[in-house]
Amino acid sequence: MGTISWDDFARVELRVGTVVSAEVFENARNPAYILHIDCGAELGILKSSAQITDLYEPDDLIDRQVVCVVNFPSKQIGHIQSQCLVTGFPQEDGSVVLIAPDQPVANGLRLS
């Protein structure tokens, strides 16, 4: 992949948010959830389509903090506009393990 500069890294806006609602995305091409994530006062609540159904149930995601990319353009996925990308590590079996802080932090904090 090659190396990147600090400026390249700084252009990716990774912020923490708390999942406030999660529901099965019924019309998704691949199994997914629709998440509403509180990303703090500056960004508000953002919506995301997340293919994380292998390891997580909707009720288990409520009040969970996640790390999101918030400066991608919105993307139409089915009938929703996904406003952020929830980050995770894809495993060999295709399941995704979410990235999250190991202690609670304020919503909207930027990864540095």
C-alpha atoms as a PDB file:
ATOM      1  CA  MET A   1       0.000   0.000   0.000  1.00  0.00           C
ATOM      2  CA  GLY A   2       2.890   2.352   0.550  1.00  0.00           C
ATOM      3  CA  THR A   3       3.385   4.997   3.178  1.00  0.00           C
ATOM      4  CA  ILE A   4       1.224   8.051   3.723  1.00  0.00           C
ATOM      5  CA  SER A   5       1.967  11.435   5.216  1.00  0.00           C
ATOM      6  CA  TRP A   6       0.510  12.831   8.428  1.00  0.00           C
ATOM      7  CA  ASP A   7      -1.573  15.160   6.266  1.00  0.00           C
ATOM      8  CA  ASP A   8      -3.053  12.142   4.453  1.00  0.00           C
ATOM      9  CA  PHE A   9      -4.040  10.555   7.774  1.00  0.00           C
ATOM     10  CA  ALA A  10      -5.407  13.835   9.136  1.00  0.00           C
ATOM     11  CA  ARG A  11      -7.830  14.092   6.204  1.00  0.00           C
ATOM     12  CA  VAL A  12      -9.712  11.006   7.458  1.00  0.00           C
ATOM     13  CA  GLU A  13     -12.057  12.224  10.185  1.00  0.00           C
ATOM     14  CA  LEU A  14     -12.521   9.368  12.648  1.00  0.00           C
ATOM     15  CA  ARG A  15     -14.914  10.212  15.470  1.00  0.00           C
ATOM     16  CA  VAL A  16     -16.470   8.294  18.328  1.00  0.00           C
ATOM     17  CA  GLY A  17     -20.218   8.055  18.696  1.00  0.00           C
ATOM     18  CA  THR A  18     -22.789   6.143  20.708  1.00  0.00           C
ATOM     19  CA  VAL A  19     -25.390   3.959  19.014  1.00  0.00           C
ATOM     20  CA  VAL A  20     -28.820   5.280  20.029  1.00  0.00           C
ATOM     21  CA  SER A  21     -30.897   2.952  17.846  1.00  0.00           C
ATOM     22  CA  ALA A  22     -30.324  -0.152  15.763  1.00  0.00           C
ATOM     23  CA  GLU A  23     -32.727  -2.050  13.555  1.00  0.00           C
ATOM     24  CA  VAL A  24     -32.567  -4.765  10.935  1.00  0.00           C
ATOM     25  CA  PHE A  25     -32.189  -3.261   7.460  1.00  0.00           C
ATOM     26  CA  GLU A  26     -34.952  -5.305   5.845  1.00  0.00           C
ATOM     27  CA  ASN A  27     -34.262  -4.266   2.225  1.00  0.00           C
ATOM     28  CA  ALA A  28     -30.470  -4.516   2.306  1.00  0.00           C
ATOM     29  CA  ARG A  29     -28.816  -6.610  -0.379  1.00  0.00           C
ATOM     30  CA  ASN A  30     -26.528  -8.117   2.285  1.00  0.00           C
ATOM     31  CA  PRO A  31     -27.590  -8.578   5.934  1.00  0.00           C
ATOM     32  CA  ALA A  32     -27.148  -5.243   7.719  1.00  0.00           C
ATOM     33  CA  TYR A  33     -28.452  -2.963  10.423  1.00  0.00           C
ATOM     34  CA  ILE A  34     -29.500   0.663  10.243  1.00  0.00           C
ATOM     35  CA  LEU A  35     -27.716   2.468  13.057  1.00  0.00           C
ATOM     36  CA  HIS A  36     -28.372   5.949  14.423  1.00  0.00           C
ATOM     37  CA  ILE A  37     -25.189   7.171  16.094  1.00  0.00           C
ATOM     38  CA  ASP A  38     -24.838  10.195  18.379  1.00  0.00           C
ATOM     39  CA  CYS A  39     -21.608  11.797  17.199  1.00  0.00           C
ATOM     40  CA  GLY A  40     -21.717  14.760  19.575  1.00  0.00           C
ATOM     41  CA  ALA A  41     -23.092  18.292  19.460  1.00  0.00           C
ATOM     42  CA  GLU A  42     -21.127  19.363  16.373  1.00  0.00           C
ATOM     43  CA  LEU A  43     -22.264  16.498  14.116  1.00  0.00           C
ATOM     44  CA  GLY A  44     -25.466  15.335  15.779  1.00  0.00           C
ATOM     45  CA  ILE A  45     -27.021  11.957  15.098  1.00  0.00           C
ATOM     46  CA  LEU A  46     -25.752  10.262  11.943  1.00  0.00           C
ATOM     47  CA  LYS A  47     -27.224   7.273  10.149  1.00  0.00           C
ATOM     48  CA  SER A  48     -25.218   4.290   8.913  1.00  0.00           C
ATOM     49  CA  SER A  49     -25.844   0.967   7.234  1.00  0.00           C
ATOM     50  CA  ALA A  50     -23.569  -1.577   8.896  1.00  0.00           C
ATOM     51  CA  GLN A  51     -22.964  -5.174   7.834  1.00  0.00           C
ATOM     52  CA  ILE A  52     -22.245  -6.422  11.347  1.00  0.00           C
ATOM     53  CA  THR A  53     -25.055  -8.951  11.793  1.00  0.00           C
ATOM     54  CA  ASP A  54     -22.810 -11.992  12.329  1.00  0.00           C
ATOM     55  CA  LEU A  55     -21.525 -10.945  15.756  1.00  0.00           C
ATOM     56  CA  TYR A  56     -24.005  -8.336  16.999  1.00  0.00           C
ATOM     57  CA  GLU A  57     -27.740  -8.140  17.714  1.00  0.00           C
ATOM     58  CA  PRO A  58     -29.535  -4.781  17.484  1.00  0.00           C
ATOM     59  CA  ASP A  59     -30.289  -4.635  21.223  1.00  0.00           C
ATOM     60  CA  ASP A  60     -26.628  -5.302  22.059  1.00  0.00           C
ATOM     61  CA  LEU A  61     -25.549  -2.266  20.023  1.00  0.00           C
ATOM     62  CA  ILE A  62     -27.632   0.311  21.914  1.00  0.00           C
ATOM     63  CA  ASP A  63     -25.408   2.538  24.106  1.00  0.00           C
ATOM     64  CA  ARG A  64     -22.271   1.007  22.566  1.00  0.00           C
ATOM     65  CA  GLN A  65     -19.576   3.410  21.403  1.00  0.00           C
ATOM     66  CA  VAL A  66     -18.176   2.944  17.903  1.00  0.00           C
ATOM     67  CA  VAL A  67     -15.571   4.686  15.756  1.00  0.00           C
ATOM     68  CA  CYS A  68     -16.892   6.193  12.518  1.00  0.00           C
ATOM     69  CA  VAL A  69     -15.479   7.895   9.441  1.00  0.00           C
ATOM     70  CA  VAL A  70     -17.624  11.014   9.228  1.00  0.00           C
ATOM     71  CA  ASN A  71     -16.179  12.871   6.233  1.00  0.00           C
ATOM     72  CA  PHE A  72     -17.079  10.508   3.407  1.00  0.00           C
ATOM     73  CA  PRO A  73     -19.901  11.823   1.233  1.00  0.00           C
ATOM     74  CA  SER A  74     -23.332  10.405   2.088  1.00  0.00           C
ATOM     75  CA  LYS A  75     -24.136   7.237   0.175  1.00  0.00           C
ATOM     76  CA  GLN A  76     -27.570   6.000  -0.856  1.00  0.00           C
ATOM     77  CA  ILE A  77     -27.947   2.402   0.341  1.00  0.00           C
ATOM     78  CA  GLY A  78     -31.392   1.061  -0.358  1.00  0.00           C
ATOM     79  CA  HIS A  79     -33.875   3.563   1.019  1.00  0.00           C
ATOM     80  CA  ILE A  80     -31.465   5.294   3.433  1.00  0.00           C
ATOM     81  CA  GLN A  81     -28.667   7.833   3.139  1.00  0.00           C
ATOM     82  CA  SER A  82     -25.685   6.403   5.008  1.00  0.00           C
ATOM     83  CA  GLN A  83     -23.926   9.416   6.529  1.00  0.00           C
ATOM     84  CA  CYS A  84     -20.939   7.730   8.159  1.00  0.00           C
ATOM     85  CA  LEU A  85     -18.922   4.528   7.989  1.00  0.00           C
ATOM     86  CA  VAL A  86     -18.773   2.409  11.133  1.00  0.00           C
ATOM     87  CA  THR A  87     -15.289   0.880  11.374  1.00  0.00           C
ATOM     88  CA  GLY A  88     -14.353  -2.690  12.177  1.00  0.00           C
ATOM     89  CA  PHE A  89     -11.961  -5.508  11.455  1.00  0.00           C
ATOM     90  CA  PRO A  90     -13.209  -8.085   8.917  1.00  0.00           C
ATOM     91  CA  GLN A  91     -12.277 -11.621   9.898  1.00  0.00           C
ATOM     92  CA  GLU A  92     -11.573 -14.568   7.595  1.00  0.00           C
ATOM     93  CA  ASP A  93     -15.170 -15.800   7.910  1.00  0.00           C
ATOM     94  CA  GLY A  94     -16.522 -12.394   6.814  1.00  0.00           C
ATOM     95  CA  SER A  95     -17.745 -11.324  10.261  1.00  0.00           C
ATOM     96  CA  VAL A  96     -16.763  -7.849  11.426  1.00  0.00           C
ATOM     97  CA  VAL A  97     -15.465  -6.920  14.892  1.00  0.00           C
ATOM     98  CA  LEU A  98     -16.266  -3.288  15.711  1.00  0.00           C
ATOM     99  CA  ILE A  99     -13.624  -0.760  16.671  1.00  0.00           C
ATOM    100  CA  ALA A 100     -14.436   1.009  19.941  1.00  0.00           C
ATOM    101  CA  PRO A 101     -12.648   2.857  22.749  1.00  0.00           C
ATOM    102  CA  ASP A 102     -11.850   0.644  25.727  1.00  0.00           C
ATOM    103  CA  GLN A 103     -13.243   3.290  28.119  1.00  0.00           C
ATOM    104  CA  PRO A 104     -16.190   5.673  27.649  1.00  0.00           C
ATOM    105  CA  VAL A 105     -15.283   8.975  26.005  1.00  0.00           C
ATOM    106  CA  ALA A 106     -17.280  12.015  24.928  1.00  0.00           C
ATOM    107  CA  ASN A 107     -19.251  11.578  21.721  1.00  0.00           C
ATOM    108  CA  GLY A 108     -17.687  13.435  18.811  1.00  0.00           C
ATOM    109  CA  LEU A 109     -14.066  13.158  19.944  1.00  0.00           C
ATOM    110  CA  ARG A 110     -11.726  12.793  17.024  1.00  0.00           C
ATOM    111  CA  LEU A 111      -9.155  10.023  16.824  1.00  0.00           C
ATOM    112  CA  SER A 112      -5.635  11.403  16.895  1.00  0.00           C
END
